[in-house]
Amino acid sequence: MKKKILDFLRDEDGQTSTEYILLVAVVAMIIFKFKSIAGARLEQLTNNVFNKADGLVNE
């Protein structure tokens, strides 16, 4: 009985899917955490590009 319990605890089958799910969850949390910061910087970059393009067209 003890050997069966130890074999069950040492068995690593099926853990890979759980590990991938946890990894995806951590990445999703990081993305949601920095979503507003990245969005604001992307908007600022886009505005700078279009403002410079308008300046070149108007010259």
PDB file of N, CA and C in Angstrom:
ATOM      1  N   MET A   1       0.824  -1.196   0.000  1.00  0.00           N
ATOM      2  CA  MET A   1       0.000   0.000   0.000  1.00  0.00           C
ATOM      3  C   MET A   1       0.867   1.259   0.000  1.00  0.00           C
ATOM      4  N   LYS A   2       1.911   1.243   0.820  1.00  0.00           N
ATOM      5  CA  LYS A   2       2.810   2.389   0.915  1.00  0.00           C
ATOM      6  C   LYS A   2       3.497   2.644  -0.430  1.00  0.00           C
ATOM      7  N   LYS A   3       3.878   1.564  -1.108  1.00  0.00           N
ATOM      8  CA  LYS A   3       4.542   1.690  -2.413  1.00  0.00           C
ATOM      9  C   LYS A   3       3.598   2.311  -3.438  1.00  0.00           C
ATOM     10  N   LYS A   4       2.327   1.937  -3.408  1.00  0.00           N
ATOM     11  CA  LYS A   4       1.356   2.498  -4.341  1.00  0.00           C
ATOM     12  C   LYS A   4       1.165   3.999  -4.113  1.00  0.00           C
ATOM     13  N   ILE A   5       1.123   4.392  -2.851  1.00  0.00           N
ATOM     14  CA  ILE A   5       0.967   5.813  -2.524  1.00  0.00           C
ATOM     15  C   ILE A   5       2.192   6.600  -2.983  1.00  0.00           C
ATOM     16  N   LEU A   6       3.373   6.067  -2.741  1.00  0.00           N
ATOM     17  CA  LEU A   6       4.595   6.749  -3.160  1.00  0.00           C
ATOM     18  C   LEU A   6       4.697   6.811  -4.682  1.00  0.00           C
ATOM     19  N   ASP A   7       4.310   5.740  -5.357  1.00  0.00           N
ATOM     20  CA  ASP A   7       4.307   5.751  -6.819  1.00  0.00           C
ATOM     21  C   ASP A   7       3.325   6.795  -7.358  1.00  0.00           C
ATOM     22  N   PHE A   8       2.173   6.927  -6.717  1.00  0.00           N
ATOM     23  CA  PHE A   8       1.175   7.912  -7.120  1.00  0.00           C
ATOM     24  C   PHE A   8       1.724   9.332  -6.941  1.00  0.00           C
ATOM     25  N   LEU A   9       2.386   9.594  -5.839  1.00  0.00           N
ATOM     26  CA  LEU A   9       2.934  10.925  -5.574  1.00  0.00           C
ATOM     27  C   LEU A   9       4.093  11.272  -6.502  1.00  0.00           C
ATOM     28  N   ARG A  10       4.836  10.284  -6.942  1.00  0.00           N
ATOM     29  CA  ARG A  10       5.980  10.516  -7.833  1.00  0.00           C
ATOM     30  C   ARG A  10       5.577  10.606  -9.302  1.00  0.00           C
ATOM     31  N   ASP A  11       4.372  10.158  -9.618  1.00  0.00           N
ATOM     32  CA  ASP A  11       3.899  10.160 -10.997  1.00  0.00           C
ATOM     33  C   ASP A  11       3.719  11.601 -11.480  1.00  0.00           C
ATOM     34  N   GLU A  12       4.370  11.949 -12.594  1.00  0.00           N
ATOM     35  CA  GLU A  12       4.321  13.315 -13.103  1.00  0.00           C
ATOM     36  C   GLU A  12       3.460  13.445 -14.358  1.00  0.00           C
ATOM     37  N   ASP A  13       2.728  12.434 -14.726  1.00  0.00           N
ATOM     38  CA  ASP A  13       1.859  12.516 -15.896  1.00  0.00           C
ATOM     39  C   ASP A  13       0.727  13.504 -15.629  1.00  0.00           C
ATOM     40  N   GLY A  14       0.422  14.305 -16.637  1.00  0.00           N
ATOM     41  CA  GLY A  14      -0.674  15.248 -16.514  1.00  0.00           C
ATOM     42  C   GLY A  14      -0.290  16.587 -15.924  1.00  0.00           C
ATOM     43  N   GLN A  15       0.883  16.713 -15.396  1.00  0.00           N
ATOM     44  CA  GLN A  15       1.274  17.972 -14.791  1.00  0.00           C
ATOM     45  C   GLN A  15       1.638  19.016 -15.839  1.00  0.00           C
ATOM     46  N   THR A  16       2.018  18.601 -17.012  1.00  0.00           N
ATOM     47  CA  THR A  16       2.439  19.572 -18.013  1.00  0.00           C
ATOM     48  C   THR A  16       1.286  20.485 -18.420  1.00  0.00           C
ATOM     49  N   SER A  17       0.084  19.957 -18.577  1.00  0.00           N
ATOM     50  CA  SER A  17      -1.044  20.811 -18.948  1.00  0.00           C
ATOM     51  C   SER A  17      -1.357  21.801 -17.833  1.00  0.00           C
ATOM     52  N   THR A  18      -1.271  21.362 -16.604  1.00  0.00           N
ATOM     53  CA  THR A  18      -1.503  22.252 -15.466  1.00  0.00           C
ATOM     54  C   THR A  18      -0.450  23.348 -15.427  1.00  0.00           C
ATOM     55  N   GLU A  19       0.780  22.994 -15.685  1.00  0.00           N
ATOM     56  CA  GLU A  19       1.847  23.991 -15.681  1.00  0.00           C
ATOM     57  C   GLU A  19       1.647  25.007 -16.791  1.00  0.00           C
ATOM     58  N   TYR A  20       1.215  24.563 -17.968  1.00  0.00           N
ATOM     59  CA  TYR A  20       0.957  25.492 -19.064  1.00  0.00           C
ATOM     60  C   TYR A  20      -0.205  26.422 -18.734  1.00  0.00           C
ATOM     61  N   ILE A  21      -1.227  25.908 -18.105  1.00  0.00           N
ATOM     62  CA  ILE A  21      -2.369  26.739 -17.719  1.00  0.00           C
ATOM     63  C   ILE A  21      -1.928  27.796 -16.718  1.00  0.00           C
ATOM     64  N   LEU A  22      -1.126  27.419 -15.746  1.00  0.00           N
ATOM     65  CA  LEU A  22      -0.624  28.398 -14.773  1.00  0.00           C
ATOM     66  C   LEU A  22       0.257  29.444 -15.439  1.00  0.00           C
ATOM     67  N   LEU A  23       1.085  29.030 -16.383  1.00  0.00           N
ATOM     68  CA  LEU A  23       1.944  29.962 -17.097  1.00  0.00           C
ATOM     69  C   LEU A  23       1.113  30.960 -17.901  1.00  0.00           C
ATOM     70  N   VAL A  24       0.088  30.484 -18.590  1.00  0.00           N
ATOM     71  CA  VAL A  24      -0.790  31.370 -19.359  1.00  0.00           C
ATOM     72  C   VAL A  24      -1.518  32.334 -18.426  1.00  0.00           C
ATOM     73  N   ALA A  25      -1.938  31.859 -17.277  1.00  0.00           N
ATOM     74  CA  ALA A  25      -2.622  32.731 -16.320  1.00  0.00           C
ATOM     75  C   ALA A  25      -1.701  33.840 -15.821  1.00  0.00           C
ATOM     76  N   VAL A  26      -0.447  33.522 -15.546  1.00  0.00           N
ATOM     77  CA  VAL A  26       0.511  34.529 -15.076  1.00  0.00           C
ATOM     78  C   VAL A  26       0.773  35.555 -16.172  1.00  0.00           C
ATOM     79  N   VAL A  27       0.954  35.097 -17.399  1.00  0.00           N
ATOM     80  CA  VAL A  27       1.193  36.022 -18.516  1.00  0.00           C
ATOM     81  C   VAL A  27      -0.026  36.923 -18.716  1.00  0.00           C
ATOM     82  N   ALA A  28      -1.225  36.373 -18.617  1.00  0.00           N
ATOM     83  CA  ALA A  28      -2.445  37.171 -18.772  1.00  0.00           C
ATOM     84  C   ALA A  28      -2.545  38.223 -17.671  1.00  0.00           C
ATOM     85  N   MET A  29      -2.190  37.871 -16.449  1.00  0.00           N
ATOM     86  CA  MET A  29      -2.222  38.844 -15.351  1.00  0.00           C
ATOM     87  C   MET A  29      -1.227  39.974 -15.602  1.00  0.00           C
ATOM     88  N   ILE A  30      -0.053  39.653 -16.091  1.00  0.00           N
ATOM     89  CA  ILE A  30       0.950  40.681 -16.386  1.00  0.00           C
ATOM     90  C   ILE A  30       0.454  41.603 -17.502  1.00  0.00           C
ATOM     91  N   ILE A  31      -0.143  41.028 -18.535  1.00  0.00           N
ATOM     92  CA  ILE A  31      -0.659  41.839 -19.643  1.00  0.00           C
ATOM     93  C   ILE A  31      -1.756  42.781 -19.152  1.00  0.00           C
ATOM     94  N   PHE A  32      -2.691  42.285 -18.357  1.00  0.00           N
ATOM     95  CA  PHE A  32      -3.762  43.136 -17.847  1.00  0.00           C
ATOM     96  C   PHE A  32      -3.231  44.207 -16.899  1.00  0.00           C
ATOM     97  N   LYS A  33      -2.175  43.887 -16.175  1.00  0.00           N
ATOM     98  CA  LYS A  33      -1.584  44.853 -15.237  1.00  0.00           C
ATOM     99  C   LYS A  33      -1.000  46.054 -15.982  1.00  0.00           C
ATOM    100  N   PHE A  34      -0.309  45.809 -17.092  1.00  0.00           N
ATOM    101  CA  PHE A  34       0.376  46.872 -17.809  1.00  0.00           C
ATOM    102  C   PHE A  34      -0.361  47.336 -19.062  1.00  0.00           C
ATOM    103  N   LYS A  35      -1.612  46.918 -19.221  1.00  0.00           N
ATOM    104  CA  LYS A  35      -2.397  47.267 -20.400  1.00  0.00           C
ATOM    105  C   LYS A  35      -2.600  48.770 -20.518  1.00  0.00           C
ATOM    106  N   SER A  36      -2.938  49.433 -19.444  1.00  0.00           N
ATOM    107  CA  SER A  36      -3.208  50.872 -19.511  1.00  0.00           C
ATOM    108  C   SER A  36      -1.933  51.661 -19.790  1.00  0.00           C
ATOM    109  N   ILE A  37      -0.826  51.244 -19.202  1.00  0.00           N
ATOM    110  CA  ILE A  37       0.448  51.932 -19.424  1.00  0.00           C
ATOM    111  C   ILE A  37       0.874  51.784 -20.882  1.00  0.00           C
ATOM    112  N   ALA A  38       0.799  50.572 -21.399  1.00  0.00           N
ATOM    113  CA  ALA A  38       1.185  50.327 -22.792  1.00  0.00           C
ATOM    114  C   ALA A  38       0.245  51.064 -23.744  1.00  0.00           C
ATOM    115  N   GLY A  39      -1.029  51.101 -23.443  1.00  0.00           N
ATOM    116  CA  GLY A  39      -1.992  51.800 -24.287  1.00  0.00           C
ATOM    117  C   GLY A  39      -1.720  53.294 -24.337  1.00  0.00           C
ATOM    118  N   ALA A  40      -1.397  53.877 -23.190  1.00  0.00           N
ATOM    119  CA  ALA A  40      -1.107  55.310 -23.144  1.00  0.00           C
ATOM    120  C   ALA A  40       0.165  55.639 -23.929  1.00  0.00           C
ATOM    121  N   ARG A  41       1.184  54.812 -23.791  1.00  0.00           N
ATOM    122  CA  ARG A  41       2.430  55.055 -24.523  1.00  0.00           C
ATOM    123  C   ARG A  41       2.242  54.867 -26.028  1.00  0.00           C
ATOM    124  N   LEU A  42       1.460  53.881 -26.403  1.00  0.00           N
ATOM    125  CA  LEU A  42       1.194  53.662 -27.827  1.00  0.00           C
ATOM    126  C   LEU A  42       0.405  54.827 -28.413  1.00  0.00           C
ATOM    127  N   GLU A  43      -0.561  55.330 -27.660  1.00  0.00           N
ATOM    128  CA  GLU A  43      -1.336  56.484 -28.121  1.00  0.00           C
ATOM    129  C   GLU A  43      -0.443  57.718 -28.264  1.00  0.00           C
ATOM    130  N   GLN A  44       0.459  57.933 -27.314  1.00  0.00           N
ATOM    131  CA  GLN A  44       1.383  59.060 -27.378  1.00  0.00           C
ATOM    132  C   GLN A  44       2.304  58.935 -28.601  1.00  0.00           C
ATOM    133  N   LEU A  45       2.807  57.752 -28.839  1.00  0.00           N
ATOM    134  CA  LEU A  45       3.670  57.524 -29.994  1.00  0.00           C
ATOM    135  C   LEU A  45       2.923  57.779 -31.306  1.00  0.00           C
ATOM    136  N   THR A  46       1.710  57.290 -31.388  1.00  0.00           N
ATOM    137  CA  THR A  46       0.890  57.490 -32.587  1.00  0.00           C
ATOM    138  C   THR A  46       0.611  58.976 -32.810  1.00  0.00           C
ATOM    139  N   ASN A  47       0.271  59.689 -31.745  1.00  0.00           N
ATOM    140  CA  ASN A  47       0.011  61.124 -31.872  1.00  0.00           C
ATOM    141  C   ASN A  47       1.255  61.874 -32.338  1.00  0.00           C
ATOM    142  N   ASN A  48       2.418  61.519 -31.817  1.00  0.00           N
ATOM    143  CA  ASN A  48       3.662  62.171 -32.226  1.00  0.00           C
ATOM    144  C   ASN A  48       3.938  61.934 -33.714  1.00  0.00           C
ATOM    145  N   VAL A  49       3.730  60.726 -34.172  1.00  0.00           N
ATOM    146  CA  VAL A  49       3.969  60.413 -35.583  1.00  0.00           C
ATOM    147  C   VAL A  49       3.035  61.219 -36.473  1.00  0.00           C
ATOM    148  N   PHE A  50       1.744  61.250 -36.140  1.00  0.00           N
ATOM    149  CA  PHE A  50       0.789  61.981 -36.974  1.00  0.00           C
ATOM    150  C   PHE A  50       1.008  63.488 -36.903  1.00  0.00           C
ATOM    151  N   ASN A  51       1.404  63.995 -35.743  1.00  0.00           N
ATOM    152  CA  ASN A  51       1.694  65.429 -35.641  1.00  0.00           C
ATOM    153  C   ASN A  51       2.892  65.807 -36.511  1.00  0.00           C
ATOM    154  N   LYS A  52       3.929  64.993 -36.518  1.00  0.00           N
ATOM    155  CA  LYS A  52       5.090  65.272 -37.365  1.00  0.00           C
ATOM    156  C   LYS A  52       4.728  65.150 -38.838  1.00  0.00           C
ATOM    157  N   ALA A  53       3.890  64.187 -39.179  1.00  0.00           N
ATOM    158  CA  ALA A  53       3.457  64.036 -40.566  1.00  0.00           C
ATOM    159  C   ALA A  53       2.634  65.247 -40.998  1.00  0.00           C
ATOM    160  N   ASP A  54       1.753  65.738 -40.134  1.00  0.00           N
ATOM    161  CA  ASP A  54       0.978  66.938 -40.450  1.00  0.00           C
ATOM    162  C   ASP A  54       1.895  68.148 -40.619  1.00  0.00           C
ATOM    163  N   GLY A  55       2.917  68.236 -39.784  1.00  0.00           N
ATOM    164  CA  GLY A  55       3.873  69.339 -39.886  1.00  0.00           C
ATOM    165  C   GLY A  55       4.611  69.305 -41.214  1.00  0.00           C
ATOM    166  N   LEU A  56       4.976  68.128 -41.674  1.00  0.00           N
ATOM    167  CA  LEU A  56       5.678  68.005 -42.960  1.00  0.00           C
ATOM    168  C   LEU A  56       4.755  68.349 -44.128  1.00  0.00           C
ATOM    169  N   VAL A  57       3.503  67.966 -44.029  1.00  0.00           N
ATOM    170  CA  VAL A  57       2.547  68.241 -45.104  1.00  0.00           C
ATOM    171  C   VAL A  57       2.251  69.737 -45.176  1.00  0.00           C
ATOM    172  N   ASN A  58       2.145  70.375 -44.030  1.00  0.00           N
ATOM    173  CA  ASN A  58       1.796  71.793 -43.993  1.00  0.00           C
ATOM    174  C   ASN A  58       2.948  72.707 -44.393  1.00  0.00           C
ATOM    175  N   GLU A  59       4.164  72.221 -44.412  1.00  0.00           N
ATOM    176  CA  GLU A  59       5.311  73.067 -44.771  1.00  0.00           C
ATOM    177  C   GLU A  59       5.413  73.319 -46.216  1.00  0.00           C
TER     178      GLU A  59
END
